């Protein structure tokens, strides 16, 4: 399903990046980073109309190889999921559900009293959840 999952903090610093095995890690990091510009544009356009903000931003952009999807929380944490462009079986509703599950996993990490907000995420449970998420379970 997904080839890269990123959690990006308020100040656009990566909190967690998962890249599938055998993938071009640096290129996928670059794609996730360039998605931040599109996320900022979409959030700025939506924030002009109060109380109608949708957390799921949809398809941010597509290249020949990958499709990049975005999601932002009320606390300005950004999630980016990158999929293969050739994967035609993945629907928009499935991507939306992946983001909701990712948001719930992130919420569980933040609720941990030993987690310092803004720090890199180093959690075995979060790693297991991401593995299950990208496997489609």
C-alpha atoms as a PDB file:
ATOM      1  CA  UNK A   1       0.000   0.000   0.000  1.00  0.00           C
ATOM      2  CA  UNK A   2       2.144   2.873   1.268  1.00  0.00           C
ATOM      3  CA  UNK A   3       5.843   3.220   0.496  1.00  0.00           C
ATOM      4  CA  UNK A   4       6.476   6.061   2.968  1.00  0.00           C
ATOM      5  CA  UNK A   5       4.723   7.414   6.066  1.00  0.00           C
ATOM      6  CA  UNK A   6       5.848  10.664   7.688  1.00  0.00           C
ATOM      7  CA  UNK A   7       4.810  12.512  10.832  1.00  0.00           C
ATOM      8  CA  UNK A   8       5.947  16.118  10.721  1.00  0.00           C
ATOM      9  CA  UNK A   9       5.876  18.518  13.666  1.00  0.00           C
ATOM     10  CA  UNK A  10       4.568  22.049  14.065  1.00  0.00           C
ATOM     11  CA  UNK A  11       7.830  23.602  12.971  1.00  0.00           C
ATOM     12  CA  UNK A  12       8.117  21.275   9.936  1.00  0.00           C
ATOM     13  CA  UNK A  13      10.655  19.011  11.594  1.00  0.00           C
ATOM     14  CA  UNK A  14      10.250  15.269  10.966  1.00  0.00           C
ATOM     15  CA  UNK A  15       9.083  13.414  14.069  1.00  0.00           C
ATOM     16  CA  UNK A  16       8.843  10.001  12.427  1.00  0.00           C
ATOM     17  CA  UNK A  17       9.604   8.680   8.939  1.00  0.00           C
ATOM     18  CA  UNK A  18       8.985   5.125   7.788  1.00  0.00           C
ATOM     19  CA  UNK A  19      10.228   4.028   4.363  1.00  0.00           C
ATOM     20  CA  UNK A  20       9.467   0.641   2.824  1.00  0.00           C
ATOM     21  CA  UNK A  21      12.369  -1.725   2.281  1.00  0.00           C
ATOM     22  CA  UNK A  22      14.097  -1.499  -1.066  1.00  0.00           C
ATOM     23  CA  UNK A  23      12.948   2.074  -1.648  1.00  0.00           C
ATOM     24  CA  UNK A  24      14.947   5.209  -2.376  1.00  0.00           C
ATOM     25  CA  UNK A  25      14.935   6.625   1.134  1.00  0.00           C
ATOM     26  CA  UNK A  26      16.437  10.031   0.325  1.00  0.00           C
ATOM     27  CA  UNK A  27      14.058  10.584  -2.603  1.00  0.00           C
ATOM     28  CA  UNK A  28      11.020   9.734  -0.467  1.00  0.00           C
ATOM     29  CA  UNK A  29      12.239  12.068   2.304  1.00  0.00           C
ATOM     30  CA  UNK A  30      12.490  14.782  -0.347  1.00  0.00           C
ATOM     31  CA  UNK A  31       8.939  14.111  -1.585  1.00  0.00           C
ATOM     32  CA  UNK A  32       7.569  14.258   1.965  1.00  0.00           C
ATOM     33  CA  UNK A  33       9.426  17.527   2.566  1.00  0.00           C
ATOM     34  CA  UNK A  34       8.174  19.130  -0.660  1.00  0.00           C
ATOM     35  CA  UNK A  35       4.612  18.142   0.298  1.00  0.00           C
ATOM     36  CA  UNK A  36       4.841  20.619   3.191  1.00  0.00           C
ATOM     37  CA  UNK A  37       4.581  23.557   0.774  1.00  0.00           C
ATOM     38  CA  UNK A  38       1.369  22.172  -0.704  1.00  0.00           C
ATOM     39  CA  UNK A  39      -0.001  21.452   2.791  1.00  0.00           C
ATOM     40  CA  UNK A  40       0.684  25.050   3.861  1.00  0.00           C
ATOM     41  CA  UNK A  41      -1.090  26.391   0.758  1.00  0.00           C
ATOM     42  CA  UNK A  42      -4.150  24.205   1.321  1.00  0.00           C
ATOM     43  CA  UNK A  43      -4.340  25.029   5.038  1.00  0.00           C
ATOM     44  CA  UNK A  44      -4.031  28.762   4.314  1.00  0.00           C
ATOM     45  CA  UNK A  45      -6.817  28.581   1.712  1.00  0.00           C
ATOM     46  CA  UNK A  46      -9.140  26.628   4.016  1.00  0.00           C
ATOM     47  CA  UNK A  47      -8.418  28.715   7.128  1.00  0.00           C
ATOM     48  CA  UNK A  48     -10.116  31.716   5.513  1.00  0.00           C
ATOM     49  CA  UNK A  49     -13.464  30.051   6.154  1.00  0.00           C
ATOM     50  CA  UNK A  50     -13.772  29.335   9.888  1.00  0.00           C
ATOM     51  CA  UNK A  51     -15.152  26.077  11.332  1.00  0.00           C
ATOM     52  CA  UNK A  52     -15.169  24.243   8.005  1.00  0.00           C
ATOM     53  CA  UNK A  53     -11.653  22.883   8.169  1.00  0.00           C
ATOM     54  CA  UNK A  54     -11.254  19.320   6.969  1.00  0.00           C
ATOM     55  CA  UNK A  55      -8.272  17.481   8.435  1.00  0.00           C
ATOM     56  CA  UNK A  56      -7.839  15.258   5.383  1.00  0.00           C
ATOM     57  CA  UNK A  57      -6.244  17.273   2.577  1.00  0.00           C
ATOM     58  CA  UNK A  58      -6.452  14.592  -0.100  1.00  0.00           C
ATOM     59  CA  UNK A  59      -4.038  14.111  -2.962  1.00  0.00           C
ATOM     60  CA  UNK A  60      -1.393  16.818  -2.692  1.00  0.00           C
ATOM     61  CA  UNK A  61       0.388  15.992  -5.932  1.00  0.00           C
ATOM     62  CA  UNK A  62       1.335  13.068  -8.112  1.00  0.00           C
ATOM     63  CA  UNK A  63       4.506  12.267  -9.999  1.00  0.00           C
ATOM     64  CA  UNK A  64       5.217   9.505 -12.491  1.00  0.00           C
ATOM     65  CA  UNK A  65       6.239   7.137  -9.695  1.00  0.00           C
ATOM     66  CA  UNK A  66       4.343   8.241  -6.571  1.00  0.00           C
ATOM     67  CA  UNK A  67       1.177   9.858  -5.245  1.00  0.00           C
ATOM     68  CA  UNK A  68       1.500  12.068  -2.160  1.00  0.00           C
ATOM     69  CA  UNK A  69      -1.425  12.489   0.264  1.00  0.00           C
ATOM     70  CA  UNK A  70      -1.676  14.860   3.227  1.00  0.00           C
ATOM     71  CA  UNK A  71      -3.475  15.269   6.537  1.00  0.00           C
ATOM     72  CA  UNK A  72      -3.096  17.908   9.217  1.00  0.00           C
ATOM     73  CA  UNK A  73      -4.292  17.991  12.813  1.00  0.00           C
ATOM     74  CA  UNK A  74      -5.772  20.871  14.781  1.00  0.00           C
ATOM     75  CA  UNK A  75      -2.406  21.174  16.548  1.00  0.00           C
ATOM     76  CA  UNK A  76      -0.565  21.653  13.210  1.00  0.00           C
ATOM     77  CA  UNK A  77       0.995  18.190  13.152  1.00  0.00           C
ATOM     78  CA  UNK A  78       1.178  16.988   9.564  1.00  0.00           C
ATOM     79  CA  UNK A  79       0.957  13.429   8.235  1.00  0.00           C
ATOM     80  CA  UNK A  80       2.153  12.501   4.753  1.00  0.00           C
ATOM     81  CA  UNK A  81       1.553   9.139   3.087  1.00  0.00           C
ATOM     82  CA  UNK A  82       3.256   8.331  -0.208  1.00  0.00           C
ATOM     83  CA  UNK A  83       1.946   5.487  -2.383  1.00  0.00           C
ATOM     84  CA  UNK A  84       2.954   3.978  -5.713  1.00  0.00           C
ATOM     85  CA  UNK A  85       1.339   5.803  -8.628  1.00  0.00           C
ATOM     86  CA  UNK A  86       0.620   2.455 -10.277  1.00  0.00           C
ATOM     87  CA  UNK A  87      -1.535   1.278  -7.370  1.00  0.00           C
ATOM     88  CA  UNK A  88      -5.026   1.763  -8.808  1.00  0.00           C
ATOM     89  CA  UNK A  89      -6.803  -0.385  -6.209  1.00  0.00           C
ATOM     90  CA  UNK A  90      -6.289   2.175  -3.426  1.00  0.00           C
ATOM     91  CA  UNK A  91      -9.336   4.426  -3.045  1.00  0.00           C
ATOM     92  CA  UNK A  92      -9.659   7.828  -1.453  1.00  0.00           C
ATOM     93  CA  UNK A  93     -11.738   6.416   1.419  1.00  0.00           C
ATOM     94  CA  UNK A  94      -9.009   3.879   2.209  1.00  0.00           C
ATOM     95  CA  UNK A  95      -6.389   6.636   2.327  1.00  0.00           C
ATOM     96  CA  UNK A  96      -8.668   8.660   4.606  1.00  0.00           C
ATOM     97  CA  UNK A  97      -9.027   5.670   6.961  1.00  0.00           C
ATOM     98  CA  UNK A  98      -5.241   5.186   6.973  1.00  0.00           C
ATOM     99  CA  UNK A  99      -4.832   8.780   8.094  1.00  0.00           C
ATOM    100  CA  UNK A 100      -7.441   8.366  10.832  1.00  0.00           C
ATOM    101  CA  UNK A 101      -5.656   5.275  12.133  1.00  0.00           C
ATOM    102  CA  UNK A 102      -2.311   7.107  11.954  1.00  0.00           C
ATOM    103  CA  UNK A 103      -3.824  10.049  13.865  1.00  0.00           C
ATOM    104  CA  UNK A 104      -5.112   7.675  16.565  1.00  0.00           C
ATOM    105  CA  UNK A 105      -1.682   6.027  16.859  1.00  0.00           C
ATOM    106  CA  UNK A 106      -0.037   9.449  17.132  1.00  0.00           C
ATOM    107  CA  UNK A 107      -2.537  10.455  19.824  1.00  0.00           C
ATOM    108  CA  UNK A 108      -1.610   7.335  21.812  1.00  0.00           C
ATOM    109  CA  UNK A 109       2.084   8.278  21.589  1.00  0.00           C
ATOM    110  CA  UNK A 110       1.455  11.850  22.714  1.00  0.00           C
ATOM    111  CA  UNK A 111      -0.649  10.634  25.663  1.00  0.00           C
ATOM    112  CA  UNK A 112       2.346   8.699  26.968  1.00  0.00           C
ATOM    113  CA  UNK A 113       3.619  10.632  30.020  1.00  0.00           C
ATOM    114  CA  UNK A 114       7.232   9.864  29.053  1.00  0.00           C
ATOM    115  CA  UNK A 115       6.938  11.376  25.580  1.00  0.00           C
ATOM    116  CA  UNK A 116       8.197  14.944  25.229  1.00  0.00           C
ATOM    117  CA  UNK A 117       6.131  16.821  22.606  1.00  0.00           C
ATOM    118  CA  UNK A 118       8.189  17.814  19.589  1.00  0.00           C
ATOM    119  CA  UNK A 119      10.750  15.025  20.081  1.00  0.00           C
ATOM    120  CA  UNK A 120      11.344  12.199  17.605  1.00  0.00           C
ATOM    121  CA  UNK A 121       8.947   9.277  18.053  1.00  0.00           C
ATOM    122  CA  UNK A 122      10.778   6.183  19.311  1.00  0.00           C
ATOM    123  CA  UNK A 123       8.067   3.697  20.201  1.00  0.00           C
ATOM    124  CA  UNK A 124       7.865  -0.016  19.427  1.00  0.00           C
ATOM    125  CA  UNK A 125       4.069   0.128  19.571  1.00  0.00           C
ATOM    126  CA  UNK A 126       4.034   2.967  17.045  1.00  0.00           C
ATOM    127  CA  UNK A 127       6.396   0.983  14.793  1.00  0.00           C
ATOM    128  CA  UNK A 128       4.086  -2.053  15.011  1.00  0.00           C
ATOM    129  CA  UNK A 129       1.082   0.123  14.221  1.00  0.00           C
ATOM    130  CA  UNK A 130       2.788   1.619  11.169  1.00  0.00           C
ATOM    131  CA  UNK A 131       3.745  -1.865   9.962  1.00  0.00           C
ATOM    132  CA  UNK A 132       0.115  -2.982  10.292  1.00  0.00           C
ATOM    133  CA  UNK A 133      -1.090   0.212   8.624  1.00  0.00           C
ATOM    134  CA  UNK A 134       1.068  -0.149   5.519  1.00  0.00           C
ATOM    135  CA  UNK A 135       0.343  -3.881   5.289  1.00  0.00           C
ATOM    136  CA  UNK A 136      -3.345  -3.049   5.031  1.00  0.00           C
ATOM    137  CA  UNK A 137      -4.465  -4.820   8.216  1.00  0.00           C
END
